[in-house]
């Protein structure tokens, strides 16, 4: 008997060749899991439903925990902001208490300044020089004391705009040389304690100027 040593044994069966080609085609068509996003992987069908369900449940819990954490952070931030605002308000109130501690006393002292100024205005040159000089010195010293305590005079230049925040109109005066609604005469000085109005200036307001000279009150900030 002769032994067949031909090449028939090296040939692959047709069915096996078809299966391998199909497997290769499927492998090429299969998506690359490493390049898939989490949502794509969950919806791909490669993972068991139990694993997908557990993952989705945990992700939902994590989302709820983040919402709670964000809500807590918002409350903490609001509390810190309120605490800071409260601290600033207390500091401001404390500073104001010190800054304006003498307000009531200074208001009572202003008529003394008024009387000294009236005395000088009515004294004239006929009064004894020594008396007039004494009043001037007293008035100057009184004004220096007020200045040291933070008291300044309200601006009342003749012809400057009337400002209801700092001036009190007690009468009108015909004056064609200055703008309408401007200060025509100062009847009593006004004073500020730092940035707070201590007493408004009493003035007469012009009403006889020409229309082109009409002025409006400046847009100044209101006194504290």
N, C-alpha and C. Protein backbone atom coordinates (compact mmCIF):
# COMPACT_ATOMS: atom_id res chain seq x y z
N UNK A 1 0.85 -1.20 0.00
CA UNK A 1 0.00 0.00 0.00
C UNK A 1 0.87 1.23 0.00
N UNK A 2 0.53 2.22 -0.82
CA UNK A 2 1.27 3.48 -0.87
C UNK A 2 0.62 4.52 0.07
N UNK A 3 1.47 5.31 0.78
CA UNK A 3 1.00 6.38 1.71
C UNK A 3 0.86 7.67 0.93
N UNK A 4 -0.28 8.34 1.11
CA UNK A 4 -0.53 9.62 0.42
C UNK A 4 0.19 10.72 1.15
N UNK A 5 1.18 11.25 0.47
CA UNK A 5 1.98 12.34 1.08
C UNK A 5 1.71 13.66 0.39
N UNK A 6 0.59 13.69 -0.34
CA UNK A 6 0.28 14.92 -1.08
C UNK A 6 -0.12 16.07 -0.18
N UNK A 7 -0.52 17.21 -0.76
CA UNK A 7 -0.87 18.44 0.02
C UNK A 7 -2.29 18.50 0.43
N UNK A 8 -3.10 17.43 0.30
CA UNK A 8 -4.52 17.51 0.67
C UNK A 8 -4.71 17.78 2.14
N UNK A 9 -3.76 17.27 3.03
CA UNK A 9 -3.93 17.46 4.48
C UNK A 9 -3.75 18.92 4.88
N UNK A 10 -3.04 19.75 4.06
CA UNK A 10 -2.80 21.17 4.42
C UNK A 10 -3.99 22.06 4.06
N UNK A 11 -4.91 21.57 3.32
CA UNK A 11 -6.05 22.38 2.93
C UNK A 11 -7.07 22.47 4.07
N UNK A 12 -7.59 23.73 4.35
CA UNK A 12 -8.57 23.98 5.44
C UNK A 12 -9.95 23.65 4.93
N UNK A 13 -10.74 22.96 5.76
CA UNK A 13 -12.10 22.66 5.37
C UNK A 13 -12.87 23.92 5.04
N UNK A 14 -13.74 23.86 4.08
CA UNK A 14 -14.49 25.06 3.62
C UNK A 14 -15.34 25.67 4.72
N UNK A 15 -16.01 24.85 5.54
CA UNK A 15 -16.89 25.36 6.60
C UNK A 15 -16.11 26.14 7.65
N UNK A 16 -14.91 25.55 8.01
CA UNK A 16 -14.08 26.23 9.02
C UNK A 16 -13.58 27.56 8.49
N UNK A 17 -13.24 27.62 7.21
CA UNK A 17 -12.76 28.87 6.61
C UNK A 17 -13.84 29.93 6.62
N UNK A 18 -15.08 29.51 6.34
CA UNK A 18 -16.19 30.47 6.34
C UNK A 18 -16.43 31.02 7.73
N UNK A 19 -16.38 30.14 8.76
CA UNK A 19 -16.60 30.58 10.15
C UNK A 19 -15.54 31.58 10.58
N UNK A 20 -14.31 31.34 10.21
CA UNK A 20 -13.22 32.24 10.61
C UNK A 20 -13.36 33.60 9.93
N UNK A 21 -13.74 33.55 8.66
CA UNK A 21 -13.94 34.82 7.96
C UNK A 21 -15.09 35.62 8.57
N UNK A 22 -16.15 34.91 8.97
CA UNK A 22 -17.29 35.60 9.60
C UNK A 22 -16.88 36.21 10.93
N UNK A 23 -16.08 35.46 11.70
CA UNK A 23 -15.61 35.96 13.00
C UNK A 23 -14.74 37.19 12.82
N UNK A 24 -13.89 37.15 11.81
CA UNK A 24 -13.02 38.30 11.54
C UNK A 24 -13.84 39.52 11.16
N UNK A 25 -14.89 39.27 10.34
CA UNK A 25 -15.76 40.39 9.92
C UNK A 25 -16.50 40.98 11.12
N UNK A 26 -16.99 40.11 12.01
CA UNK A 26 -17.69 40.59 13.21
C UNK A 26 -16.74 41.37 14.13
N UNK A 27 -15.51 40.89 14.23
CA UNK A 27 -14.52 41.57 15.08
C UNK A 27 -14.23 42.96 14.55
N UNK A 28 -14.14 43.06 13.22
CA UNK A 28 -13.89 44.37 12.62
C UNK A 28 -15.08 45.29 12.80
N UNK A 29 -16.30 44.73 12.75
CA UNK A 29 -17.51 45.55 12.87
C UNK A 29 -17.83 45.94 14.31
N UNK A 30 -17.33 45.16 15.27
CA UNK A 30 -17.62 45.44 16.68
C UNK A 30 -17.01 46.77 17.09
N UNK A 31 -17.73 47.59 17.90
CA UNK A 31 -17.20 48.89 18.34
C UNK A 31 -16.06 48.72 19.32
N UNK A 32 -15.21 49.74 19.36
CA UNK A 32 -14.07 49.73 20.28
C UNK A 32 -14.57 50.22 21.64
N UNK A 33 -14.69 49.31 22.60
CA UNK A 33 -15.24 49.64 23.92
C UNK A 33 -14.43 50.72 24.61
N UNK A 34 -13.11 50.70 24.44
CA UNK A 34 -12.25 51.67 25.12
C UNK A 34 -12.52 53.09 24.67
N UNK A 35 -13.04 53.26 23.46
CA UNK A 35 -13.31 54.59 22.93
C UNK A 35 -14.75 55.04 23.18
N UNK A 36 -15.57 54.17 23.77
CA UNK A 36 -16.98 54.50 23.99
C UNK A 36 -17.15 55.33 25.25
N UNK A 37 -18.12 56.24 25.22
CA UNK A 37 -18.46 56.99 26.43
C UNK A 37 -19.25 56.08 27.36
N UNK A 38 -19.44 56.56 28.60
CA UNK A 38 -20.16 55.76 29.59
C UNK A 38 -21.59 55.48 29.11
N UNK A 39 -22.27 56.53 28.62
CA UNK A 39 -23.65 56.35 28.16
C UNK A 39 -23.72 55.42 26.95
N UNK A 40 -22.74 55.52 26.06
CA UNK A 40 -22.73 54.63 24.90
C UNK A 40 -22.52 53.18 25.31
N UNK A 41 -21.66 53.00 26.32
CA UNK A 41 -21.39 51.64 26.80
C UNK A 41 -22.62 51.06 27.47
N UNK A 42 -23.34 51.91 28.24
CA UNK A 42 -24.54 51.42 28.92
C UNK A 42 -25.63 51.04 27.94
N UNK A 43 -25.69 51.74 26.82
CA UNK A 43 -26.73 51.48 25.83
C UNK A 43 -26.29 50.49 24.73
N UNK A 44 -25.06 50.00 24.84
CA UNK A 44 -24.53 49.14 23.77
C UNK A 44 -25.05 47.71 23.83
N UNK A 45 -25.49 47.29 25.03
CA UNK A 45 -25.95 45.91 25.17
C UNK A 45 -24.84 44.94 25.52
N UNK A 46 -23.60 45.43 25.64
CA UNK A 46 -22.49 44.55 26.01
C UNK A 46 -22.52 44.19 27.48
N UNK A 47 -23.06 45.09 28.33
CA UNK A 47 -23.07 44.84 29.76
C UNK A 47 -24.38 44.19 30.17
N UNK A 48 -24.33 43.34 31.18
CA UNK A 48 -25.55 42.72 31.70
C UNK A 48 -26.49 43.78 32.27
N UNK A 49 -27.78 43.53 32.17
CA UNK A 49 -28.77 44.48 32.66
C UNK A 49 -28.60 44.77 34.14
N UNK A 50 -28.19 43.77 34.90
CA UNK A 50 -28.02 43.96 36.34
C UNK A 50 -26.94 44.98 36.64
N UNK A 51 -25.85 44.90 35.90
CA UNK A 51 -24.74 45.85 36.10
C UNK A 51 -25.16 47.25 35.67
N UNK A 52 -25.86 47.33 34.53
CA UNK A 52 -26.32 48.63 34.04
C UNK A 52 -27.27 49.26 35.04
N UNK A 53 -28.21 48.48 35.57
CA UNK A 53 -29.17 49.00 36.54
C UNK A 53 -28.50 49.49 37.81
N UNK A 54 -27.53 48.71 38.30
CA UNK A 54 -26.82 49.10 39.53
C UNK A 54 -26.05 50.40 39.31
N UNK A 55 -25.42 50.50 38.13
CA UNK A 55 -24.64 51.71 37.84
C UNK A 55 -25.56 52.94 37.77
N UNK A 56 -26.69 52.80 37.08
CA UNK A 56 -27.62 53.92 36.96
C UNK A 56 -28.17 54.34 38.32
N UNK A 57 -28.43 53.37 39.18
CA UNK A 57 -28.93 53.67 40.53
C UNK A 57 -27.90 54.45 41.33
N UNK A 58 -26.65 54.02 41.23
CA UNK A 58 -25.58 54.70 41.97
C UNK A 58 -25.36 56.10 41.41
N UNK A 59 -25.47 56.25 40.10
CA UNK A 59 -25.29 57.57 39.51
C UNK A 59 -26.41 58.51 39.93
N UNK A 60 -27.62 57.98 40.04
CA UNK A 60 -28.74 58.80 40.51
C UNK A 60 -28.52 59.25 41.94
N UNK A 61 -28.04 58.32 42.79
CA UNK A 61 -27.76 58.67 44.18
C UNK A 61 -26.67 59.74 44.26
N UNK A 62 -25.65 59.59 43.41
CA UNK A 62 -24.56 60.57 43.41
C UNK A 62 -25.08 61.94 42.99
N UNK A 63 -26.00 61.98 42.01
CA UNK A 63 -26.58 63.24 41.57
C UNK A 63 -27.38 63.91 42.67
N UNK A 64 -28.15 63.10 43.41
CA UNK A 64 -28.94 63.65 44.52
C UNK A 64 -28.03 64.19 45.62
N UNK A 65 -26.95 63.46 45.90
CA UNK A 65 -26.01 63.91 46.92
C UNK A 65 -25.35 65.22 46.51
N UNK A 66 -25.04 65.37 45.21
CA UNK A 66 -24.44 66.62 44.73
C UNK A 66 -25.42 67.77 44.87
N UNK A 67 -26.71 67.51 44.55
CA UNK A 67 -27.72 68.55 44.71
C UNK A 67 -27.81 69.01 46.16
N UNK A 68 -27.80 68.02 47.09
CA UNK A 68 -27.87 68.36 48.51
C UNK A 68 -26.64 69.14 48.94
N UNK A 69 -25.48 68.73 48.41
CA UNK A 69 -24.24 69.44 48.76
C UNK A 69 -24.27 70.87 48.23
N UNK A 70 -24.77 71.05 47.00
CA UNK A 70 -24.87 72.39 46.42
C UNK A 70 -25.84 73.25 47.22
N UNK A 71 -26.96 72.64 47.64
CA UNK A 71 -27.95 73.39 48.43
C UNK A 71 -27.36 73.80 49.77
N UNK A 72 -26.60 72.90 50.38
CA UNK A 72 -25.96 73.21 51.66
C UNK A 72 -24.94 74.32 51.50
N UNK A 73 -24.17 74.26 50.40
CA UNK A 73 -23.17 75.30 50.15
C UNK A 73 -23.84 76.65 49.95
N UNK A 74 -24.98 76.65 49.24
CA UNK A 74 -25.70 77.90 49.03
C UNK A 74 -26.17 78.50 50.35
N UNK A 75 -26.68 77.64 51.23
CA UNK A 75 -27.13 78.11 52.55
C UNK A 75 -25.96 78.64 53.37
N UNK A 76 -24.83 77.94 53.31
CA UNK A 76 -23.65 78.38 54.06
C UNK A 76 -23.16 79.72 53.54
N UNK A 77 -23.11 79.86 52.19
CA UNK A 77 -22.67 81.12 51.60
C UNK A 77 -23.59 82.26 52.00
N UNK A 78 -24.91 81.99 52.01
CA UNK A 78 -25.87 83.02 52.41
C UNK A 78 -25.68 83.41 53.87
N UNK A 79 -25.45 82.41 54.71
CA UNK A 79 -25.22 82.68 56.13
C UNK A 79 -23.96 83.52 56.33
N UNK A 80 -22.89 83.16 55.61
CA UNK A 80 -21.64 83.91 55.74
C UNK A 80 -21.82 85.34 55.25
N UNK A 81 -22.57 85.52 54.16
CA UNK A 81 -22.82 86.87 53.63
C UNK A 81 -23.62 87.70 54.63
N UNK A 82 -24.64 87.09 55.24
CA UNK A 82 -25.44 87.80 56.24
C UNK A 82 -24.60 88.14 57.46
N UNK A 83 -23.73 87.22 57.85
CA UNK A 83 -22.86 87.48 59.01
C UNK A 83 -21.91 88.63 58.73
N UNK A 84 -21.36 88.67 57.50
CA UNK A 84 -20.45 89.75 57.14
C UNK A 84 -21.18 91.09 57.08
N UNK A 85 -22.40 91.07 56.53
CA UNK A 85 -23.19 92.30 56.48
C UNK A 85 -23.53 92.78 57.89
N UNK A 86 -23.86 91.85 58.77
CA UNK A 86 -24.17 92.20 60.15
C UNK A 86 -22.95 92.78 60.86
N UNK A 87 -21.79 92.16 60.60
CA UNK A 87 -20.54 92.66 61.21
C UNK A 87 -20.24 94.08 60.74
N UNK A 88 -20.40 94.31 59.42
CA UNK A 88 -20.14 95.64 58.88
C UNK A 88 -21.11 96.66 59.44
N UNK A 89 -22.39 96.25 59.60
CA UNK A 89 -23.38 97.17 60.14
C UNK A 89 -23.05 97.54 61.58
N UNK A 90 -22.65 96.55 62.36
CA UNK A 90 -22.27 96.84 63.75
C UNK A 90 -21.07 97.77 63.81
N UNK A 91 -20.09 97.52 62.93
CA UNK A 91 -18.90 98.36 62.90
C UNK A 91 -19.27 99.79 62.52
N UNK A 92 -20.16 99.91 61.49
CA UNK A 92 -20.58 101.24 61.05
C UNK A 92 -21.35 101.96 62.15
N UNK A 93 -22.24 101.23 62.82
CA UNK A 93 -23.02 101.86 63.90
C UNK A 93 -22.11 102.28 65.06
N UNK A 94 -21.11 101.45 65.33
CA UNK A 94 -20.17 101.80 66.40
C UNK A 94 -19.38 103.05 66.01
N UNK A 95 -18.91 103.09 64.76
CA UNK A 95 -18.14 104.25 64.29
C UNK A 95 -19.01 105.50 64.31
N UNK A 96 -20.28 105.37 63.89
CA UNK A 96 -21.17 106.52 63.88
C UNK A 96 -21.46 107.00 65.29
N UNK A 97 -21.58 106.05 66.22
CA UNK A 97 -21.85 106.43 67.61
C UNK A 97 -20.71 107.29 68.16
N UNK A 98 -19.49 106.93 67.79
CA UNK A 98 -18.33 107.72 68.22
C UNK A 98 -18.26 109.03 67.44
N UNK A 99 -18.50 108.92 66.13
CA UNK A 99 -18.35 110.07 65.23
C UNK A 99 -19.35 111.17 65.54
N UNK A 100 -20.57 110.77 65.90
CA UNK A 100 -21.63 111.75 66.12
C UNK A 100 -22.07 111.82 67.59
N UNK A 101 -21.17 111.44 68.47
CA UNK A 101 -21.50 111.43 69.91
C UNK A 101 -21.86 112.82 70.43
N UNK A 102 -21.24 113.86 69.85
CA UNK A 102 -21.45 115.22 70.34
C UNK A 102 -22.53 115.98 69.57
N UNK A 103 -23.29 115.27 68.74
CA UNK A 103 -24.24 115.95 67.86
C UNK A 103 -25.23 116.82 68.64
N UNK A 104 -25.82 116.26 69.67
CA UNK A 104 -26.84 117.00 70.43
C UNK A 104 -26.25 118.22 71.10
N UNK A 105 -25.07 118.07 71.70
CA UNK A 105 -24.42 119.19 72.38
C UNK A 105 -24.06 120.29 71.40
N UNK A 106 -23.55 119.88 70.23
CA UNK A 106 -23.14 120.86 69.22
C UNK A 106 -24.33 121.64 68.69
N UNK A 107 -25.47 120.98 68.54
CA UNK A 107 -26.68 121.69 68.10
C UNK A 107 -27.05 122.78 69.11
N UNK A 108 -26.91 122.47 70.38
CA UNK A 108 -27.22 123.46 71.43
C UNK A 108 -26.22 124.61 71.43
N UNK A 109 -25.01 124.35 70.92
CA UNK A 109 -23.95 125.35 70.93
C UNK A 109 -24.04 126.32 69.75
N UNK A 110 -24.71 125.91 68.68
CA UNK A 110 -24.77 126.73 67.47
C UNK A 110 -25.41 128.11 67.70
N UNK A 111 -26.46 128.24 68.51
CA UNK A 111 -27.02 129.58 68.74
C UNK A 111 -26.00 130.55 69.35
N UNK A 112 -25.02 130.05 70.08
CA UNK A 112 -23.97 130.92 70.61
C UNK A 112 -23.18 131.53 69.47
N UNK A 113 -22.87 130.71 68.47
CA UNK A 113 -22.17 131.22 67.28
C UNK A 113 -23.04 132.27 66.58
N UNK A 114 -24.34 131.96 66.47
CA UNK A 114 -25.25 132.91 65.82
C UNK A 114 -25.24 134.26 66.53
N UNK A 115 -25.32 134.24 67.84
CA UNK A 115 -25.38 135.48 68.61
C UNK A 115 -24.08 136.27 68.50
N UNK A 116 -22.96 135.58 68.50
CA UNK A 116 -21.68 136.28 68.34
C UNK A 116 -21.60 136.94 66.96
N UNK A 117 -22.07 136.25 65.93
CA UNK A 117 -22.03 136.82 64.58
C UNK A 117 -22.99 138.01 64.47
N UNK A 118 -24.15 137.90 65.12
CA UNK A 118 -25.10 139.03 65.10
C UNK A 118 -24.51 140.23 65.83
N UNK A 119 -23.84 139.95 66.94
CA UNK A 119 -23.23 141.04 67.71
C UNK A 119 -22.21 141.79 66.86
N UNK A 120 -21.41 141.05 66.10
CA UNK A 120 -20.43 141.70 65.23
C UNK A 120 -21.11 142.46 64.10
N UNK A 121 -22.17 141.88 63.54
CA UNK A 121 -22.85 142.53 62.42
C UNK A 121 -23.50 143.84 62.82
N UNK A 122 -23.97 143.92 64.07
CA UNK A 122 -24.67 145.12 64.51
C UNK A 122 -23.77 146.07 65.31
N UNK A 123 -22.57 145.66 65.59
CA UNK A 123 -21.69 146.48 66.41
C UNK A 123 -21.31 147.75 65.66
N UNK A 124 -20.90 147.64 64.44
CA UNK A 124 -20.48 148.81 63.68
C UNK A 124 -19.16 149.36 64.21
N UNK A 125 -18.67 150.37 63.54
CA UNK A 125 -17.38 150.96 63.93
C UNK A 125 -17.50 151.86 65.14
N UNK A 126 -18.75 152.22 65.52
CA UNK A 126 -18.94 153.14 66.64
C UNK A 126 -18.69 152.47 67.98
N UNK A 127 -18.78 151.13 68.01
CA UNK A 127 -18.55 150.41 69.26
C UNK A 127 -17.07 150.47 69.63
N UNK A 128 -16.84 150.37 70.91
CA UNK A 128 -15.46 150.39 71.40
C UNK A 128 -14.66 149.29 70.72
N UNK A 129 -13.47 149.64 70.26
CA UNK A 129 -12.64 148.69 69.53
C UNK A 129 -12.29 147.46 70.34
N UNK A 130 -12.07 147.63 71.61
CA UNK A 130 -11.67 146.50 72.46
C UNK A 130 -12.81 145.49 72.59
N UNK A 131 -14.06 146.00 72.68
CA UNK A 131 -15.21 145.11 72.79
C UNK A 131 -15.39 144.31 71.50
N UNK A 132 -15.31 145.03 70.40
CA UNK A 132 -15.46 144.35 69.09
C UNK A 132 -14.36 143.31 68.91
N UNK A 133 -13.17 143.68 69.26
CA UNK A 133 -12.04 142.75 69.11
C UNK A 133 -12.24 141.52 69.99
N UNK A 134 -12.79 141.73 71.19
CA UNK A 134 -13.03 140.60 72.09
C UNK A 134 -14.06 139.64 71.52
N UNK A 135 -15.11 140.19 70.91
CA UNK A 135 -16.14 139.35 70.31
C UNK A 135 -15.55 138.57 69.13
N UNK A 136 -14.74 139.25 68.33
CA UNK A 136 -14.11 138.58 67.17
C UNK A 136 -13.23 137.43 67.62
N UNK A 137 -12.47 137.64 68.67
CA UNK A 137 -11.58 136.58 69.17
C UNK A 137 -12.40 135.40 69.69
N UNK A 138 -13.46 135.72 70.43
CA UNK A 138 -14.33 134.66 70.96
C UNK A 138 -14.95 133.85 69.83
N UNK A 139 -15.45 134.55 68.81
CA UNK A 139 -16.06 133.87 67.66
C UNK A 139 -15.04 133.01 66.93
N UNK A 140 -13.85 133.53 66.75
CA UNK A 140 -12.81 132.77 66.05
C UNK A 140 -12.45 131.51 66.83
N UNK A 141 -12.32 131.63 68.13
CA UNK A 141 -11.99 130.46 68.95
C UNK A 141 -13.13 129.43 68.92
N UNK A 142 -14.36 129.93 68.95
CA UNK A 142 -15.51 129.02 68.92
C UNK A 142 -15.54 128.25 67.60
N UNK A 143 -15.26 128.94 66.50
CA UNK A 143 -15.23 128.28 65.20
C UNK A 143 -14.10 127.25 65.12
N UNK A 144 -12.98 127.55 65.75
CA UNK A 144 -11.85 126.61 65.76
C UNK A 144 -12.21 125.34 66.53
N UNK A 145 -12.94 125.52 67.64
CA UNK A 145 -13.36 124.36 68.43
C UNK A 145 -14.31 123.50 67.59
N UNK A 146 -15.26 124.12 66.92
CA UNK A 146 -16.20 123.38 66.07
C UNK A 146 -15.46 122.62 64.97
N UNK A 147 -14.46 123.28 64.40
CA UNK A 147 -13.69 122.64 63.33
C UNK A 147 -12.98 121.39 63.83
N UNK A 148 -12.41 121.47 65.00
CA UNK A 148 -11.71 120.31 65.59
C UNK A 148 -12.66 119.16 65.86
N UNK A 149 -13.90 119.49 66.14
CA UNK A 149 -14.91 118.46 66.41
C UNK A 149 -15.57 117.94 65.14
N UNK A 150 -15.11 118.41 63.98
CA UNK A 150 -15.65 117.90 62.71
C UNK A 150 -16.82 118.69 62.17
N UNK A 151 -17.04 119.91 62.69
CA UNK A 151 -18.16 120.73 62.22
C UNK A 151 -17.68 121.69 61.15
N UNK A 152 -18.37 121.70 60.01
CA UNK A 152 -18.06 122.62 58.92
C UNK A 152 -19.33 123.34 58.50
N UNK A 153 -19.16 124.45 57.82
CA UNK A 153 -20.32 125.25 57.40
C UNK A 153 -20.86 124.76 56.06
N UNK A 154 -22.17 124.84 55.92
CA UNK A 154 -22.82 124.53 54.65
C UNK A 154 -22.49 125.64 53.66
N UNK A 155 -22.15 125.27 52.44
CA UNK A 155 -21.82 126.26 51.41
C UNK A 155 -23.05 127.09 51.06
N UNK A 156 -22.90 128.43 51.15
CA UNK A 156 -24.04 129.33 50.88
C UNK A 156 -23.58 130.55 50.08
N UNK A 157 -22.76 130.33 49.08
CA UNK A 157 -22.29 131.46 48.27
C UNK A 157 -23.46 132.12 47.56
N UNK A 158 -23.49 133.45 47.57
CA UNK A 158 -24.57 134.18 46.90
C UNK A 158 -24.52 133.88 45.40
N UNK A 159 -25.67 133.49 44.85
CA UNK A 159 -25.75 133.14 43.44
C UNK A 159 -25.56 131.66 43.16
N UNK A 160 -25.18 130.90 44.18
CA UNK A 160 -25.04 129.45 43.99
C UNK A 160 -26.41 128.79 44.05
N UNK A 161 -26.58 127.62 43.45
CA UNK A 161 -27.91 126.98 43.40
C UNK A 161 -28.45 126.64 44.79
N UNK A 162 -29.75 126.82 44.94
CA UNK A 162 -30.42 126.39 46.17
C UNK A 162 -30.52 124.87 46.18
N UNK A 163 -30.13 124.27 47.27
CA UNK A 163 -30.15 122.81 47.40
C UNK A 163 -30.98 122.44 48.62
N UNK A 164 -32.15 121.85 48.43
CA UNK A 164 -33.02 121.52 49.57
C UNK A 164 -32.42 120.51 50.53
N UNK A 165 -31.36 119.82 50.11
CA UNK A 165 -30.70 118.88 51.01
C UNK A 165 -29.90 119.60 52.10
N UNK A 166 -29.50 120.85 51.79
CA UNK A 166 -28.64 121.58 52.72
C UNK A 166 -29.18 122.95 53.09
N UNK A 167 -30.15 123.45 52.32
CA UNK A 167 -30.67 124.79 52.55
C UNK A 167 -32.16 124.75 52.88
N UNK A 168 -32.58 125.74 53.67
CA UNK A 168 -34.01 125.90 53.97
C UNK A 168 -34.44 127.28 53.50
N UNK A 169 -35.35 127.29 52.53
CA UNK A 169 -35.82 128.56 51.98
C UNK A 169 -36.90 129.14 52.90
N UNK A 170 -36.63 130.32 53.43
CA UNK A 170 -37.59 130.95 54.33
C UNK A 170 -38.30 132.13 53.68
N UNK A 171 -37.75 132.60 52.56
CA UNK A 171 -38.38 133.69 51.83
C UNK A 171 -37.79 133.77 50.43
N UNK A 172 -38.42 134.62 49.59
CA UNK A 172 -37.90 134.87 48.26
C UNK A 172 -37.47 136.33 48.16
N UNK A 173 -36.58 136.58 47.24
CA UNK A 173 -36.06 137.94 47.09
C UNK A 173 -35.89 138.24 45.61
N UNK A 174 -36.37 139.40 45.19
CA UNK A 174 -36.20 139.81 43.80
C UNK A 174 -34.76 140.28 43.60
N UNK A 175 -34.10 139.67 42.65
CA UNK A 175 -32.71 140.03 42.36
C UNK A 175 -32.40 139.61 40.93
N UNK A 176 -32.32 140.58 40.04
CA UNK A 176 -32.10 140.28 38.63
C UNK A 176 -30.64 140.03 38.29
N UNK A 177 -29.77 140.22 39.26
CA UNK A 177 -28.33 140.07 39.00
C UNK A 177 -27.85 138.63 39.20
N UNK A 178 -28.70 137.80 39.77
CA UNK A 178 -28.29 136.41 40.00
C UNK A 178 -29.36 135.47 39.43
N UNK A 179 -29.02 134.22 39.18
CA UNK A 179 -30.00 133.29 38.57
C UNK A 179 -31.20 133.03 39.46
N UNK A 180 -32.30 132.74 38.81
CA UNK A 180 -33.51 132.33 39.54
C UNK A 180 -33.21 131.03 40.28
N UNK A 181 -33.80 130.87 41.43
CA UNK A 181 -33.64 129.67 42.26
C UNK A 181 -32.22 129.51 42.80
N UNK A 182 -31.54 130.63 42.96
CA UNK A 182 -30.22 130.60 43.58
C UNK A 182 -30.30 131.34 44.91
N UNK A 183 -29.25 131.24 45.70
CA UNK A 183 -29.23 131.86 47.02
C UNK A 183 -29.02 133.36 46.87
N UNK A 184 -29.97 134.15 47.39
CA UNK A 184 -29.88 135.61 47.30
C UNK A 184 -29.36 136.23 48.60
N UNK A 185 -29.64 135.56 49.71
CA UNK A 185 -29.20 136.09 51.00
C UNK A 185 -29.18 134.96 52.03
N UNK A 186 -28.21 135.02 52.94
CA UNK A 186 -28.10 134.01 54.00
C UNK A 186 -28.62 134.63 55.28
N UNK A 187 -29.65 134.00 55.84
CA UNK A 187 -30.26 134.51 57.07
C UNK A 187 -29.66 133.83 58.30
N UNK A 188 -29.26 132.60 58.15
CA UNK A 188 -28.62 131.88 59.26
C UNK A 188 -27.73 130.78 58.68
N UNK A 189 -26.53 130.68 59.21
CA UNK A 189 -25.57 129.71 58.69
C UNK A 189 -26.03 128.28 58.97
N UNK A 190 -25.67 127.39 58.06
CA UNK A 190 -25.93 125.96 58.25
C UNK A 190 -24.64 125.24 58.56
N UNK A 191 -24.76 124.08 59.20
CA UNK A 191 -23.56 123.35 59.63
C UNK A 191 -23.70 121.86 59.35
N UNK A 192 -22.55 121.24 59.08
CA UNK A 192 -22.44 119.80 58.90
C UNK A 192 -21.55 119.23 59.99
N UNK A 193 -21.94 118.08 60.51
CA UNK A 193 -21.08 117.32 61.42
C UNK A 193 -20.55 116.14 60.62
N UNK A 194 -19.30 116.26 60.21
CA UNK A 194 -18.71 115.30 59.26
C UNK A 194 -19.57 115.30 57.99
N UNK A 195 -20.22 114.19 57.66
CA UNK A 195 -21.05 114.17 56.45
C UNK A 195 -22.54 114.22 56.78
N UNK A 196 -22.89 114.54 58.02
CA UNK A 196 -24.29 114.59 58.43
C UNK A 196 -24.72 116.04 58.65
N UNK A 197 -25.92 116.36 58.14
CA UNK A 197 -26.43 117.72 58.30
C UNK A 197 -26.78 117.97 59.76
N UNK A 198 -26.12 118.97 60.33
CA UNK A 198 -26.39 119.33 61.72
C UNK A 198 -27.52 120.35 61.80
N UNK A 199 -27.47 121.31 60.85
CA UNK A 199 -28.54 122.31 60.76
C UNK A 199 -28.52 122.89 59.35
N UNK A 200 -29.67 122.95 58.68
CA UNK A 200 -29.67 123.53 57.33
C UNK A 200 -29.46 125.04 57.38
N UNK A 201 -28.92 125.58 56.32
CA UNK A 201 -28.75 127.02 56.23
C UNK A 201 -30.09 127.66 55.86
N UNK A 202 -30.45 128.73 56.56
CA UNK A 202 -31.70 129.45 56.26
C UNK A 202 -31.36 130.54 55.26
N UNK A 203 -32.01 130.49 54.09
CA UNK A 203 -31.64 131.42 53.02
C UNK A 203 -32.88 132.03 52.38
N UNK A 204 -32.63 133.13 51.66
CA UNK A 204 -33.64 133.72 50.78
C UNK A 204 -33.28 133.30 49.36
N UNK A 205 -34.28 132.90 48.59
CA UNK A 205 -34.05 132.39 47.24
C UNK A 205 -34.44 133.44 46.21
N UNK A 206 -33.58 133.63 45.21
CA UNK A 206 -33.83 134.64 44.17
C UNK A 206 -34.95 134.19 43.24
N UNK A 207 -35.76 135.15 42.82
CA UNK A 207 -36.83 134.83 41.88
C UNK A 207 -36.94 135.85 40.75
N UNK A 208 -36.04 136.81 40.70
CA UNK A 208 -36.17 137.87 39.70
C UNK A 208 -35.21 137.78 38.55
N UNK A 209 -34.38 136.75 38.49
CA UNK A 209 -33.41 136.63 37.40
C UNK A 209 -34.07 136.30 36.09
N UNK A 210 -33.33 136.48 34.99
CA UNK A 210 -33.86 136.15 33.67
C UNK A 210 -33.91 134.64 33.50
N UNK A 211 -34.81 134.13 32.62
CA UNK A 211 -34.96 132.68 32.43
C UNK A 211 -33.65 131.99 32.06
N UNK A 212 -32.81 132.68 31.25
CA UNK A 212 -31.56 132.03 30.84
C UNK A 212 -30.60 131.86 32.01
N UNK A 213 -30.87 132.56 33.10
CA UNK A 213 -30.01 132.42 34.27
C UNK A 213 -30.55 131.43 35.29
N UNK A 214 -31.66 130.78 34.95
CA UNK A 214 -32.27 129.83 35.88
C UNK A 214 -31.32 128.68 36.19
N UNK A 215 -31.19 128.34 37.44
CA UNK A 215 -30.32 127.23 37.84
C UNK A 215 -31.14 126.20 38.61
N UNK A 216 -30.68 124.99 38.61
CA UNK A 216 -31.32 123.91 39.36
C UNK A 216 -30.41 123.47 40.48
N UNK A 217 -30.99 122.82 41.46
CA UNK A 217 -30.19 122.31 42.57
C UNK A 217 -29.22 121.27 42.04
N UNK A 218 -27.98 121.30 42.50
CA UNK A 218 -26.98 120.32 42.05
C UNK A 218 -27.36 118.92 42.47
N UNK A 219 -26.91 117.95 41.71
CA UNK A 219 -27.21 116.54 42.03
C UNK A 219 -26.22 116.03 43.05
N UNK A 220 -26.21 116.70 44.19
CA UNK A 220 -25.28 116.28 45.26
C UNK A 220 -25.92 115.19 46.10
N UNK A 221 -25.06 114.46 46.74
CA UNK A 221 -25.57 113.38 47.60
C UNK A 221 -26.25 113.97 48.81
N UNK A 222 -27.30 113.33 49.26
CA UNK A 222 -27.99 113.79 50.45
C UNK A 222 -27.09 113.64 51.67
N UNK A 223 -27.20 114.56 52.62
CA UNK A 223 -26.42 114.38 53.85
C UNK A 223 -26.87 113.15 54.60
N UNK A 224 -25.97 112.55 55.35
CA UNK A 224 -26.28 111.32 56.08
C UNK A 224 -27.32 111.60 57.15
